[in-house]
N, C-alpha and C. Protein backbone atom coordinates (compact mmCIF):
# COMPACT_ATOMS: atom_id res chain seq x y z
N MET A 1 165.50 124.48 184.71
CA MET A 1 166.92 124.77 184.55
C MET A 1 167.24 126.11 185.20
N GLU A 2 168.26 126.15 186.03
CA GLU A 2 168.62 127.37 186.73
C GLU A 2 169.23 128.37 185.77
N ALA A 3 168.83 129.63 185.90
CA ALA A 3 169.33 130.66 185.00
C ALA A 3 170.81 130.90 185.25
N SER A 4 171.57 131.12 184.18
CA SER A 4 172.98 131.42 184.28
C SER A 4 173.17 132.93 184.31
N HIS A 5 174.20 133.37 185.02
CA HIS A 5 174.52 134.80 185.03
C HIS A 5 175.16 135.17 183.70
N PHE A 6 174.71 136.25 183.10
CA PHE A 6 175.29 136.69 181.84
C PHE A 6 176.50 137.56 182.11
N ALA A 7 177.64 137.14 181.60
CA ALA A 7 178.90 137.87 181.81
C ALA A 7 179.51 138.31 180.49
N GLY A 8 178.72 138.34 179.44
CA GLY A 8 179.23 138.69 178.13
C GLY A 8 179.29 137.47 177.23
N PHE A 9 179.47 137.73 175.95
CA PHE A 9 179.63 136.63 174.99
C PHE A 9 181.10 136.22 174.96
N PRO A 10 181.41 134.98 175.27
CA PRO A 10 182.82 134.57 175.41
C PRO A 10 183.57 134.59 174.08
N LYS A 11 184.86 134.90 174.17
CA LYS A 11 185.70 134.88 172.98
C LYS A 11 185.76 133.48 172.39
N GLU A 12 185.64 132.48 173.25
CA GLU A 12 185.64 131.10 172.76
C GLU A 12 184.47 130.84 171.80
N GLY A 13 183.37 131.58 171.99
CA GLY A 13 182.23 131.43 171.09
C GLY A 13 182.57 131.87 169.67
N LEU A 14 183.31 132.98 169.55
CA LEU A 14 183.73 133.44 168.23
C LEU A 14 184.75 132.49 167.63
N ASP A 15 185.64 131.96 168.47
CA ASP A 15 186.59 130.95 167.99
C ASP A 15 185.84 129.74 167.45
N PHE A 16 184.77 129.36 168.14
CA PHE A 16 183.97 128.22 167.71
C PHE A 16 183.33 128.50 166.34
N LEU A 17 182.80 129.72 166.16
CA LEU A 17 182.20 130.06 164.88
C LEU A 17 183.24 130.10 163.76
N ASN A 18 184.45 130.54 164.09
CA ASN A 18 185.53 130.49 163.11
C ASN A 18 185.82 129.06 162.69
N GLN A 19 185.76 128.15 163.64
CA GLN A 19 186.00 126.74 163.33
C GLN A 19 184.89 126.17 162.44
N ILE A 20 183.67 126.65 162.63
CA ILE A 20 182.58 126.20 161.76
C ILE A 20 182.84 126.64 160.32
N ILE A 21 183.37 127.85 160.15
CA ILE A 21 183.68 128.33 158.80
C ILE A 21 184.64 127.36 158.10
N ILE A 22 185.59 126.82 158.86
CA ILE A 22 186.59 125.91 158.30
C ILE A 22 186.04 124.50 158.18
N ASN A 23 185.22 124.09 159.15
CA ASN A 23 184.74 122.70 159.23
C ASN A 23 183.22 122.66 159.21
N ASN A 24 182.62 123.13 158.14
CA ASN A 24 181.17 123.29 158.12
C ASN A 24 180.49 121.97 157.75
N SER A 25 180.23 121.17 158.78
CA SER A 25 179.54 119.89 158.56
C SER A 25 178.83 119.48 159.84
N LYS A 26 177.77 118.71 159.68
CA LYS A 26 177.03 118.20 160.83
C LYS A 26 177.91 117.28 161.66
N GLU A 27 178.77 116.51 161.00
CA GLU A 27 179.65 115.58 161.72
C GLU A 27 180.59 116.34 162.65
N TRP A 28 181.13 117.45 162.16
CA TRP A 28 182.04 118.24 163.01
C TRP A 28 181.29 118.82 164.20
N LEU A 29 180.10 119.36 163.94
CA LEU A 29 179.33 119.95 165.03
C LEU A 29 178.95 118.89 166.06
N ASP A 30 178.55 117.72 165.61
CA ASP A 30 178.21 116.64 166.54
C ASP A 30 179.39 116.27 167.42
N ALA A 31 180.59 116.32 166.86
CA ALA A 31 181.79 115.96 167.62
C ALA A 31 182.20 117.06 168.59
N HIS A 32 181.65 118.26 168.41
CA HIS A 32 182.01 119.39 169.27
C HIS A 32 180.77 119.97 169.95
N ARG A 33 179.82 119.11 170.24
CA ARG A 33 178.56 119.53 170.83
C ARG A 33 178.76 120.18 172.20
N GLU A 34 179.69 119.66 172.98
CA GLU A 34 179.91 120.21 174.32
C GLU A 34 180.36 121.67 174.26
N GLU A 35 181.30 121.96 173.34
CA GLU A 35 181.76 123.35 173.19
C GLU A 35 180.63 124.24 172.70
N TYR A 36 179.81 123.72 171.80
CA TYR A 36 178.68 124.49 171.29
C TYR A 36 177.73 124.87 172.43
N GLU A 37 177.42 123.92 173.28
CA GLU A 37 176.53 124.19 174.40
C GLU A 37 177.15 125.19 175.37
N ARG A 38 178.44 125.05 175.63
CA ARG A 38 179.11 125.88 176.63
C ARG A 38 179.34 127.30 176.15
N PHE A 39 179.81 127.45 174.92
CA PHE A 39 180.27 128.75 174.45
C PHE A 39 179.25 129.50 173.59
N ILE A 40 178.22 128.81 173.12
CA ILE A 40 177.19 129.47 172.30
C ILE A 40 175.84 129.43 173.01
N VAL A 41 175.32 128.25 173.27
CA VAL A 41 173.95 128.12 173.78
C VAL A 41 173.80 128.73 175.17
N THR A 42 174.68 128.38 176.09
CA THR A 42 174.54 128.86 177.48
C THR A 42 174.60 130.38 177.58
N PRO A 43 175.61 131.05 177.01
CA PRO A 43 175.61 132.52 177.11
C PRO A 43 174.45 133.17 176.35
N ASN A 44 174.02 132.56 175.26
CA ASN A 44 172.87 133.12 174.54
C ASN A 44 171.61 133.08 175.38
N ARG A 45 171.38 131.96 176.06
CA ARG A 45 170.22 131.86 176.94
C ARG A 45 170.29 132.90 178.06
N ALA A 46 171.47 133.05 178.63
CA ALA A 46 171.64 134.02 179.72
C ALA A 46 171.39 135.44 179.22
N TYR A 47 171.85 135.73 178.01
CA TYR A 47 171.62 137.05 177.43
C TYR A 47 170.12 137.30 177.23
N VAL A 48 169.41 136.32 176.72
CA VAL A 48 167.96 136.47 176.51
C VAL A 48 167.26 136.79 177.82
N GLU A 49 167.62 136.09 178.88
CA GLU A 49 166.97 136.33 180.17
C GLU A 49 167.29 137.72 180.70
N GLU A 50 168.57 138.12 180.60
CA GLU A 50 168.97 139.42 181.14
C GLU A 50 168.40 140.57 180.29
N MET A 51 168.56 140.49 178.99
CA MET A 51 168.04 141.55 178.14
C MET A 51 166.52 141.58 178.17
N GLY A 52 165.89 140.43 178.29
CA GLY A 52 164.44 140.38 178.39
C GLY A 52 163.93 141.19 179.57
N GLU A 53 164.63 141.10 180.70
CA GLU A 53 164.23 141.88 181.88
C GLU A 53 164.35 143.38 181.61
N HIS A 54 165.39 143.77 180.90
CA HIS A 54 165.55 145.18 180.56
C HIS A 54 164.46 145.64 179.60
N LEU A 55 164.17 144.84 178.60
CA LEU A 55 163.19 145.24 177.59
C LEU A 55 161.78 145.33 178.14
N GLN A 56 161.52 144.63 179.24
CA GLN A 56 160.21 144.74 179.88
C GLN A 56 159.93 146.15 180.36
N ILE A 57 160.98 146.95 180.54
CA ILE A 57 160.80 148.36 180.90
C ILE A 57 160.11 149.09 179.76
N LEU A 58 160.50 148.76 178.53
CA LEU A 58 159.91 149.39 177.35
C LEU A 58 158.61 148.71 176.94
N VAL A 59 158.62 147.38 176.92
CA VAL A 59 157.48 146.59 176.47
C VAL A 59 157.21 145.50 177.50
N PRO A 60 156.30 145.74 178.44
CA PRO A 60 156.05 144.74 179.49
C PRO A 60 155.67 143.37 178.96
N THR A 61 155.11 143.30 177.75
CA THR A 61 154.66 142.02 177.19
C THR A 61 155.65 141.44 176.19
N ILE A 62 156.89 141.90 176.21
CA ILE A 62 157.88 141.42 175.24
C ILE A 62 158.07 139.91 175.37
N ASN A 63 158.22 139.24 174.25
CA ASN A 63 158.52 137.81 174.24
C ASN A 63 160.04 137.62 174.29
N ALA A 64 160.52 137.14 175.41
CA ALA A 64 161.94 136.85 175.61
C ALA A 64 162.02 135.42 176.13
N VAL A 65 162.15 134.48 175.22
CA VAL A 65 162.04 133.05 175.55
C VAL A 65 163.35 132.36 175.17
N PRO A 66 164.17 131.96 176.13
CA PRO A 66 165.50 131.42 175.83
C PRO A 66 165.47 129.99 175.32
N LYS A 67 164.75 129.77 174.23
CA LYS A 67 164.63 128.45 173.63
C LYS A 67 164.79 128.56 172.12
N THR A 68 165.22 127.46 171.49
CA THR A 68 165.33 127.41 170.04
C THR A 68 163.95 127.55 169.41
N ASN A 69 163.90 128.29 168.32
CA ASN A 69 162.66 128.62 167.60
C ASN A 69 161.79 129.61 168.36
N LYS A 70 162.33 130.17 169.43
CA LYS A 70 161.69 131.28 170.13
C LYS A 70 162.63 132.49 170.01
N SER A 71 163.32 132.87 171.10
CA SER A 71 164.29 133.96 170.98
C SER A 71 165.61 133.50 170.36
N LEU A 72 165.85 132.20 170.34
CA LEU A 72 167.06 131.65 169.73
C LEU A 72 166.72 130.96 168.41
N PHE A 73 167.71 130.86 167.55
CA PHE A 73 167.52 130.26 166.23
C PHE A 73 168.26 128.93 166.13
N ARG A 74 167.79 128.08 165.27
CA ARG A 74 168.46 126.82 165.00
C ARG A 74 169.84 127.09 164.40
N ILE A 75 170.81 126.26 164.76
CA ILE A 75 172.15 126.38 164.21
C ILE A 75 172.23 125.81 162.80
N TYR A 76 171.25 124.97 162.45
CA TYR A 76 171.27 124.33 161.14
C TYR A 76 170.54 125.17 160.10
N ARG A 77 171.13 125.29 158.92
CA ARG A 77 170.45 125.89 157.78
C ARG A 77 169.53 124.84 157.15
N ASP A 78 168.71 125.30 156.20
CA ASP A 78 167.85 124.38 155.45
C ASP A 78 168.74 123.54 154.54
N ALA A 79 168.81 122.25 154.81
CA ALA A 79 169.72 121.36 154.08
C ALA A 79 169.39 121.27 152.60
N ARG A 80 168.17 121.60 152.22
CA ARG A 80 167.80 121.55 150.81
C ARG A 80 168.59 122.55 149.97
N PHE A 81 169.01 123.63 150.62
CA PHE A 81 169.69 124.69 149.89
C PHE A 81 171.14 124.88 150.33
N HIS A 82 171.59 124.11 151.32
CA HIS A 82 172.93 124.31 151.87
C HIS A 82 173.62 122.97 152.09
N LEU A 83 173.81 122.23 151.02
CA LEU A 83 174.46 120.92 151.15
C LEU A 83 175.92 121.06 151.58
N ASP A 84 176.58 122.12 151.12
CA ASP A 84 178.01 122.28 151.41
C ASP A 84 178.28 123.08 152.67
N ASP A 85 177.28 123.79 153.17
CA ASP A 85 177.48 124.59 154.39
C ASP A 85 176.21 124.54 155.25
N PRO A 86 175.93 123.39 155.84
CA PRO A 86 174.66 123.20 156.57
C PRO A 86 174.59 123.90 157.92
N ILE A 87 175.72 124.42 158.41
CA ILE A 87 175.75 125.03 159.74
C ILE A 87 175.87 126.55 159.61
N LYS A 88 175.07 127.27 160.36
CA LYS A 88 175.14 128.74 160.35
C LYS A 88 176.44 129.20 161.01
N THR A 89 177.00 130.26 160.48
CA THR A 89 178.24 130.82 161.03
C THR A 89 177.99 132.12 161.77
N ARG A 90 176.74 132.50 161.94
CA ARG A 90 176.40 133.63 162.79
C ARG A 90 175.22 133.23 163.67
N ILE A 91 175.12 133.90 164.79
CA ILE A 91 174.13 133.57 165.81
C ILE A 91 173.13 134.71 165.94
N GLY A 92 171.84 134.40 165.82
CA GLY A 92 170.80 135.41 165.93
C GLY A 92 169.99 135.27 167.21
N ILE A 93 169.53 136.41 167.71
CA ILE A 93 168.71 136.46 168.93
C ILE A 93 167.60 137.49 168.70
N ILE A 94 166.36 137.14 169.03
CA ILE A 94 165.23 138.02 168.75
C ILE A 94 164.30 138.11 169.95
N PHE A 95 163.75 139.31 170.14
CA PHE A 95 162.71 139.57 171.14
C PHE A 95 161.55 140.23 170.38
N TRP A 96 160.36 139.70 170.51
CA TRP A 96 159.26 140.22 169.69
C TRP A 96 158.03 140.50 170.54
N GLN A 97 157.18 141.38 170.01
CA GLN A 97 155.95 141.76 170.71
C GLN A 97 154.75 141.27 169.93
N GLY A 98 153.80 140.68 170.64
CA GLY A 98 152.57 140.24 170.02
C GLY A 98 152.49 138.74 169.90
N GLY A 99 151.34 138.26 169.43
CA GLY A 99 151.09 136.83 169.33
C GLY A 99 151.34 136.24 167.96
N GLY A 100 151.82 137.05 167.02
CA GLY A 100 152.09 136.55 165.68
C GLY A 100 153.43 135.85 165.58
N HIS A 101 153.77 135.40 164.37
CA HIS A 101 155.06 134.76 164.15
C HIS A 101 156.17 135.75 164.47
N ARG A 102 157.21 135.27 165.12
CA ARG A 102 158.28 136.17 165.58
C ARG A 102 158.91 136.97 164.44
N MET A 103 159.01 136.37 163.24
CA MET A 103 159.67 137.05 162.13
C MET A 103 158.75 138.05 161.42
N GLN A 104 157.47 138.05 161.75
CA GLN A 104 156.53 139.02 161.20
C GLN A 104 155.96 139.90 162.31
N SER A 105 156.69 139.97 163.41
CA SER A 105 156.30 140.80 164.55
C SER A 105 157.33 141.90 164.76
N SER A 106 156.91 142.98 165.36
CA SER A 106 157.83 144.06 165.67
C SER A 106 158.81 143.59 166.73
N SER A 107 160.09 143.68 166.42
CA SER A 107 161.07 143.00 167.28
C SER A 107 162.32 143.83 167.52
N PHE A 108 163.02 143.43 168.56
CA PHE A 108 164.40 143.85 168.83
C PHE A 108 165.29 142.66 168.48
N TYR A 109 166.34 142.90 167.73
CA TYR A 109 167.10 141.79 167.15
C TYR A 109 168.60 142.03 167.29
N MET A 110 169.36 140.95 167.31
CA MET A 110 170.81 141.03 167.24
C MET A 110 171.33 139.77 166.58
N HIS A 111 172.37 139.89 165.77
CA HIS A 111 173.14 138.70 165.41
C HIS A 111 174.63 139.04 165.45
N TYR A 112 175.43 138.01 165.62
CA TYR A 112 176.87 138.22 165.68
C TYR A 112 177.59 137.07 165.00
N ASP A 113 178.78 137.38 164.52
CA ASP A 113 179.69 136.39 163.97
C ASP A 113 181.10 136.83 164.37
N PRO A 114 182.15 136.16 163.92
CA PRO A 114 183.49 136.56 164.36
C PRO A 114 183.92 137.96 163.93
N PHE A 115 183.17 138.58 163.02
CA PHE A 115 183.62 139.83 162.43
C PHE A 115 182.72 141.03 162.75
N GLU A 116 181.47 140.79 163.10
CA GLU A 116 180.53 141.90 163.22
C GLU A 116 179.38 141.56 164.16
N VAL A 117 178.93 142.59 164.88
CA VAL A 117 177.70 142.52 165.67
C VAL A 117 176.68 143.44 165.00
N PHE A 118 175.49 142.91 164.76
CA PHE A 118 174.42 143.63 164.07
C PHE A 118 173.26 143.76 165.04
N VAL A 119 172.84 145.00 165.33
CA VAL A 119 171.76 145.25 166.29
C VAL A 119 170.67 146.04 165.56
N ALA A 120 169.44 145.56 165.64
CA ALA A 120 168.37 146.16 164.84
C ALA A 120 167.04 146.13 165.58
N THR A 121 166.15 146.98 165.11
CA THR A 121 164.76 146.99 165.59
C THR A 121 163.84 147.12 164.39
N GLY A 122 162.77 146.33 164.37
CA GLY A 122 161.81 146.43 163.29
C GLY A 122 161.37 145.07 162.79
N ILE A 123 161.09 145.00 161.50
CA ILE A 123 160.72 143.74 160.82
C ILE A 123 161.58 143.68 159.57
N ARG A 124 162.41 142.66 159.46
CA ARG A 124 163.46 142.65 158.43
C ARG A 124 163.02 142.04 157.10
N ASN A 125 161.81 141.55 157.03
CA ASN A 125 161.29 141.06 155.74
C ASN A 125 159.78 140.92 155.84
N PHE A 126 159.06 141.65 155.02
CA PHE A 126 157.61 141.53 155.00
C PHE A 126 157.20 140.35 154.12
N LYS A 127 156.54 139.36 154.70
CA LYS A 127 155.90 138.31 153.92
C LYS A 127 154.67 138.91 153.23
N PRO A 128 154.10 138.19 152.24
CA PRO A 128 153.02 138.79 151.43
C PRO A 128 151.87 139.39 152.22
N THR A 129 151.40 138.70 153.25
CA THR A 129 150.25 139.21 154.00
C THR A 129 150.58 140.53 154.68
N LEU A 130 151.72 140.57 155.35
CA LEU A 130 152.11 141.79 156.06
C LEU A 130 152.47 142.90 155.07
N LEU A 131 153.09 142.56 153.96
CA LEU A 131 153.43 143.57 152.96
C LEU A 131 152.17 144.25 152.44
N SER A 132 151.14 143.47 152.15
CA SER A 132 149.88 144.04 151.67
C SER A 132 149.25 144.93 152.72
N THR A 133 149.27 144.47 153.97
CA THR A 133 148.71 145.26 155.07
C THR A 133 149.47 146.56 155.25
N TYR A 134 150.80 146.48 155.19
CA TYR A 134 151.65 147.66 155.35
C TYR A 134 151.33 148.71 154.29
N ARG A 135 151.23 148.29 153.04
CA ARG A 135 150.96 149.25 151.96
C ARG A 135 149.61 149.93 152.12
N GLU A 136 148.65 149.17 152.57
CA GLU A 136 147.33 149.77 152.81
C GLU A 136 147.37 150.69 154.03
N TYR A 137 148.10 150.28 155.05
CA TYR A 137 148.18 151.02 156.31
C TYR A 137 148.78 152.41 156.09
N ILE A 138 149.83 152.49 155.25
CA ILE A 138 150.51 153.78 155.09
C ILE A 138 149.87 154.66 154.01
N GLN A 139 148.77 154.24 153.44
CA GLN A 139 148.05 155.15 152.56
C GLN A 139 147.36 156.25 153.37
N ASN A 140 147.31 156.07 154.67
CA ASN A 140 146.88 157.13 155.57
C ASN A 140 148.04 158.14 155.70
N ASP A 141 147.78 159.39 155.36
CA ASP A 141 148.85 160.40 155.32
C ASP A 141 149.54 160.56 156.67
N GLU A 142 148.75 160.54 157.74
CA GLU A 142 149.32 160.75 159.08
C GLU A 142 150.25 159.61 159.46
N ARG A 143 149.84 158.39 159.19
CA ARG A 143 150.69 157.24 159.52
C ARG A 143 151.98 157.26 158.71
N ARG A 144 151.85 157.59 157.43
CA ARG A 144 153.02 157.61 156.56
C ARG A 144 154.00 158.70 157.00
N SER A 145 153.49 159.85 157.34
CA SER A 145 154.36 160.93 157.80
C SER A 145 155.02 160.59 159.12
N GLU A 146 154.27 159.94 160.00
CA GLU A 146 154.83 159.56 161.29
C GLU A 146 155.99 158.58 161.10
N LEU A 147 155.81 157.60 160.22
CA LEU A 147 156.88 156.64 159.97
C LEU A 147 158.09 157.34 159.36
N HIS A 148 157.87 158.20 158.40
CA HIS A 148 158.98 158.94 157.78
C HIS A 148 159.75 159.74 158.83
N ASN A 149 159.05 160.42 159.71
CA ASN A 149 159.71 161.23 160.74
C ASN A 149 160.51 160.37 161.70
N ILE A 150 159.98 159.20 162.06
CA ILE A 150 160.71 158.28 162.94
C ILE A 150 162.00 157.82 162.26
N LEU A 151 161.91 157.44 161.00
CA LEU A 151 163.08 156.97 160.28
C LEU A 151 164.12 158.07 160.11
N GLU A 152 163.66 159.29 159.81
CA GLU A 152 164.59 160.41 159.68
C GLU A 152 165.31 160.69 160.99
N ALA A 153 164.59 160.62 162.10
CA ALA A 153 165.19 160.87 163.41
C ALA A 153 166.25 159.82 163.73
N LEU A 154 165.99 158.57 163.36
CA LEU A 154 166.96 157.51 163.61
C LEU A 154 168.20 157.69 162.74
N GLN A 155 168.00 158.09 161.49
CA GLN A 155 169.15 158.37 160.63
C GLN A 155 169.99 159.51 161.19
N ALA A 156 169.34 160.52 161.74
CA ALA A 156 170.06 161.65 162.32
C ALA A 156 170.91 161.22 163.51
N LYS A 157 170.53 160.14 164.16
CA LYS A 157 171.31 159.61 165.28
C LYS A 157 172.40 158.65 164.83
N GLY A 158 172.50 158.44 163.52
CA GLY A 158 173.57 157.60 162.99
C GLY A 158 173.19 156.18 162.66
N TYR A 159 171.91 155.85 162.77
CA TYR A 159 171.47 154.49 162.46
C TYR A 159 171.22 154.35 160.96
N ALA A 160 171.39 153.14 160.47
CA ALA A 160 171.20 152.85 159.05
C ALA A 160 169.82 152.25 158.80
N LEU A 161 169.36 152.40 157.57
CA LEU A 161 168.06 151.86 157.15
C LEU A 161 168.26 151.05 155.87
N PRO A 162 167.38 150.10 155.61
CA PRO A 162 167.47 149.37 154.34
C PRO A 162 167.01 150.26 153.18
N ASP A 163 167.50 149.95 152.00
CA ASP A 163 167.04 150.66 150.81
C ASP A 163 165.68 150.11 150.38
N PRO A 164 164.91 150.89 149.62
CA PRO A 164 163.66 150.35 149.07
C PRO A 164 163.93 149.09 148.27
N LYS A 165 163.10 148.08 148.44
CA LYS A 165 163.29 146.80 147.77
C LYS A 165 162.77 146.82 146.34
N TYR A 166 161.73 147.59 146.11
CA TYR A 166 161.05 147.55 144.82
C TYR A 166 161.34 148.83 144.03
N LYS A 167 161.63 148.67 142.75
CA LYS A 167 161.92 149.82 141.89
C LYS A 167 160.65 150.51 141.43
N ARG A 168 159.62 149.74 141.21
CA ARG A 168 158.37 150.29 140.71
C ARG A 168 157.39 150.58 141.85
N MET A 169 156.57 151.58 141.64
CA MET A 169 155.53 151.89 142.61
C MET A 169 154.47 150.79 142.56
N PRO A 170 154.11 150.21 143.71
CA PRO A 170 153.10 149.13 143.71
C PRO A 170 151.75 149.63 143.20
N ARG A 171 151.01 148.73 142.62
CA ARG A 171 149.68 149.06 142.12
C ARG A 171 148.80 149.55 143.28
N GLY A 172 148.09 150.62 143.05
CA GLY A 172 147.20 151.16 144.06
C GLY A 172 147.85 152.19 144.95
N CYS A 173 149.17 152.42 144.78
CA CYS A 173 149.88 153.42 145.58
C CYS A 173 150.21 154.62 144.69
N ASP A 174 150.08 155.81 145.24
CA ASP A 174 150.21 157.04 144.47
C ASP A 174 151.62 157.61 144.63
N ALA A 175 152.35 157.69 143.53
CA ALA A 175 153.72 158.20 143.57
C ALA A 175 153.79 159.67 143.95
N THR A 176 152.67 160.40 143.84
CA THR A 176 152.67 161.82 144.20
C THR A 176 152.44 162.04 145.69
N ASP A 177 152.15 160.99 146.42
CA ASP A 177 151.98 161.14 147.87
C ASP A 177 153.29 161.56 148.51
N SER A 178 153.21 162.28 149.61
CA SER A 178 154.42 162.62 150.35
C SER A 178 155.09 161.34 150.87
N HIS A 179 156.42 161.32 150.82
CA HIS A 179 157.20 160.18 151.30
C HIS A 179 156.78 158.88 150.61
N SER A 180 156.52 158.97 149.32
CA SER A 180 156.01 157.80 148.59
C SER A 180 157.05 156.69 148.48
N TYR A 181 158.33 156.98 148.79
CA TYR A 181 159.34 155.92 148.78
C TYR A 181 158.98 154.80 149.74
N LEU A 182 158.20 155.11 150.76
CA LEU A 182 157.83 154.10 151.75
C LEU A 182 156.98 152.99 151.13
N TYR A 183 156.27 153.29 150.06
CA TYR A 183 155.48 152.25 149.39
C TYR A 183 156.37 151.16 148.78
N ARG A 184 157.62 151.51 148.47
CA ARG A 184 158.52 150.58 147.79
C ARG A 184 159.38 149.76 148.75
N MET A 185 159.14 149.93 150.03
CA MET A 185 159.93 149.18 151.02
C MET A 185 159.42 147.74 151.14
N GLY A 186 160.34 146.82 151.31
CA GLY A 186 159.98 145.43 151.55
C GLY A 186 160.25 145.00 152.97
N ALA A 187 160.70 145.96 153.78
CA ALA A 187 160.99 145.74 155.19
C ALA A 187 161.16 147.11 155.83
N ILE A 188 160.91 147.18 157.12
CA ILE A 188 161.13 148.42 157.86
C ILE A 188 161.92 148.07 159.12
N TYR A 189 163.13 148.55 159.18
CA TYR A 189 163.94 148.37 160.39
C TYR A 189 165.08 149.39 160.36
N ALA A 190 165.67 149.61 161.52
CA ALA A 190 166.87 150.43 161.66
C ALA A 190 167.93 149.57 162.32
N TYR A 191 169.18 149.84 162.00
CA TYR A 191 170.23 148.98 162.53
C TYR A 191 171.55 149.73 162.69
N THR A 192 172.43 149.11 163.43
CA THR A 192 173.81 149.57 163.56
C THR A 192 174.70 148.34 163.66
N THR A 193 175.96 148.52 163.37
CA THR A 193 176.92 147.42 163.47
C THR A 193 178.17 147.90 164.19
N PHE A 194 178.85 146.96 164.81
CA PHE A 194 180.14 147.25 165.44
C PHE A 194 180.91 145.95 165.56
N PRO A 195 182.22 146.03 165.70
CA PRO A 195 183.01 144.79 165.83
C PRO A 195 182.79 144.15 167.19
N PRO A 196 183.00 142.85 167.31
CA PRO A 196 182.88 142.18 168.62
C PRO A 196 184.04 142.56 169.52
N ASP A 197 183.89 143.68 170.21
CA ASP A 197 184.96 144.26 171.02
C ASP A 197 184.87 143.79 172.46
N GLU A 198 185.62 144.44 173.34
CA GLU A 198 185.64 144.03 174.74
C GLU A 198 184.27 144.22 175.40
N THR A 199 183.53 145.23 174.99
CA THR A 199 182.18 145.41 175.53
C THR A 199 181.30 144.22 175.18
N PHE A 200 181.42 143.73 173.96
CA PHE A 200 180.65 142.55 173.54
C PHE A 200 180.97 141.34 174.41
N HIS A 201 182.21 141.26 174.86
CA HIS A 201 182.64 140.12 175.66
C HIS A 201 182.40 140.33 177.16
N SER A 202 181.69 141.39 177.52
CA SER A 202 181.39 141.66 178.93
C SER A 202 179.90 141.90 179.11
N GLU A 203 179.47 141.96 180.35
CA GLU A 203 178.05 142.20 180.61
C GLU A 203 177.62 143.60 180.19
N ALA A 204 178.60 144.48 179.88
CA ALA A 204 178.28 145.84 179.44
C ALA A 204 177.55 145.85 178.10
N ILE A 205 177.57 144.75 177.37
CA ILE A 205 176.84 144.69 176.10
C ILE A 205 175.34 144.83 176.33
N ILE A 206 174.88 144.47 177.51
CA ILE A 206 173.46 144.64 177.84
C ILE A 206 173.08 146.11 177.79
N ASP A 207 173.86 146.95 178.47
CA ASP A 207 173.56 148.38 178.50
C ASP A 207 173.73 149.02 177.12
N ARG A 208 174.76 148.59 176.39
CA ARG A 208 174.97 149.15 175.05
C ARG A 208 173.78 148.85 174.15
N ASN A 209 173.39 147.59 174.10
CA ASN A 209 172.29 147.22 173.21
C ASN A 209 170.96 147.79 173.68
N PHE A 210 170.75 147.85 174.99
CA PHE A 210 169.50 148.41 175.49
C PHE A 210 169.37 149.88 175.11
N LYS A 211 170.47 150.63 175.17
CA LYS A 211 170.42 152.04 174.76
C LYS A 211 170.02 152.16 173.30
N ILE A 212 170.55 151.26 172.46
CA ILE A 212 170.18 151.26 171.05
C ILE A 212 168.69 150.97 170.90
N TYR A 213 168.22 149.93 171.58
CA TYR A 213 166.80 149.57 171.50
C TYR A 213 165.91 150.69 172.02
N GLU A 214 166.37 151.37 173.05
CA GLU A 214 165.60 152.47 173.62
C GLU A 214 165.44 153.60 172.61
N GLU A 215 166.50 153.90 171.88
CA GLU A 215 166.43 154.96 170.88
C GLU A 215 165.56 154.55 169.70
N MET A 216 165.49 153.26 169.44
CA MET A 216 164.69 152.76 168.33
C MET A 216 163.25 152.42 168.73
N PHE A 217 162.92 152.64 169.98
CA PHE A 217 161.62 152.24 170.51
C PHE A 217 160.43 152.84 169.74
N PRO A 218 160.48 154.12 169.33
CA PRO A 218 159.34 154.65 168.56
C PRO A 218 159.06 153.85 167.29
N LEU A 219 160.12 153.38 166.63
CA LEU A 219 159.92 152.55 165.43
C LEU A 219 159.30 151.22 165.79
N GLN A 220 159.77 150.62 166.86
CA GLN A 220 159.21 149.33 167.29
C GLN A 220 157.72 149.47 167.59
N GLN A 221 157.33 150.55 168.22
CA GLN A 221 155.92 150.73 168.56
C GLN A 221 155.07 151.02 167.33
N TRP A 222 155.61 151.80 166.39
CA TRP A 222 154.85 152.06 165.16
C TRP A 222 154.58 150.74 164.44
N LEU A 223 155.58 149.89 164.36
CA LEU A 223 155.41 148.62 163.67
C LEU A 223 154.50 147.67 164.43
N TYR A 224 154.55 147.74 165.75
CA TYR A 224 153.62 146.91 166.53
C TYR A 224 152.18 147.28 166.21
N GLU A 225 151.91 148.58 166.13
CA GLU A 225 150.55 149.01 165.77
C GLU A 225 150.16 148.49 164.40
N LEU A 226 151.11 148.48 163.47
CA LEU A 226 150.84 147.91 162.15
C LEU A 226 150.43 146.45 162.25
N THR A 227 151.17 145.66 163.02
CA THR A 227 150.90 144.22 163.09
C THR A 227 149.54 143.91 163.70
N LEU A 228 148.98 144.84 164.47
CA LEU A 228 147.65 144.62 165.04
C LEU A 228 146.57 144.59 163.97
N HIS A 229 146.91 145.06 162.77
CA HIS A 229 145.95 145.08 161.66
C HIS A 229 146.16 143.91 160.70
N CYS A 230 146.98 142.94 161.11
CA CYS A 230 147.38 141.89 160.17
C CYS A 230 147.37 140.52 160.83
N ASP A 231 146.85 139.54 160.10
CA ASP A 231 146.91 138.14 160.52
C ASP A 231 147.88 137.43 159.58
N THR A 232 149.05 137.05 160.09
CA THR A 232 150.08 136.45 159.24
C THR A 232 150.00 134.93 159.22
N SER A 233 148.95 134.36 159.77
CA SER A 233 148.86 132.90 159.86
C SER A 233 148.78 132.24 158.49
N ALA A 234 148.38 133.00 157.46
CA ALA A 234 148.28 132.42 156.13
C ALA A 234 149.65 132.19 155.49
N ASP A 235 150.66 132.90 155.99
CA ASP A 235 152.00 132.73 155.44
C ASP A 235 152.68 131.52 156.06
N VAL A 236 153.50 130.86 155.29
CA VAL A 236 154.18 129.64 155.74
C VAL A 236 155.61 129.99 156.12
N PHE A 237 156.03 129.50 157.28
CA PHE A 237 157.38 129.75 157.77
C PHE A 237 158.08 128.43 158.04
N ARG A 238 159.39 128.43 157.82
CA ARG A 238 160.17 127.26 158.19
C ARG A 238 160.52 127.37 159.67
């Protein structure tokens, strides 16, 4: 398939997502498959190819694969839990480093819907295997301090971080350690949000997002080093 030129995310794509909010059913999506391919799938693939080339500057081995279940996500939710709203109303795109599962790998991420664009770097949910590895990994004072300093620097630049997921200190972790809040994290990532403005609808979104990813690169690399100590194959993913 010949690569398409990326010219921004079309406004028609957001209109399409608004229509899904009103008509959230497989039957409606099947009847509007052509618009879905034209206004969602095609520009998303083009974005993956274009941004992937940029990210190779930072990570030559980055995974940028313009296919569903790779850099693109399925439009369908898990029907077992979403009988009344089986279609996703936001679109996610991911670029990850390493040979592990994309959702347990250090990644550059974006999702958008009609109201907000979310751009992030990191790992947005630690599954049990990676969570255990992370807690052991940061018991090293130098690693823990390095992560804390990276996160503080990103906050100073205006980026947001998730709150600690766990209220209690995990077993085997010392609350008197410096930066012990890191033991209570269930994910490590930094993010920013902005409305889907004219930049989003133009090819300039490539430069905007790349600048964000570039500033978050130290976090991405710290997390990549973490994943080298972990085999996530025991965890089950949908």
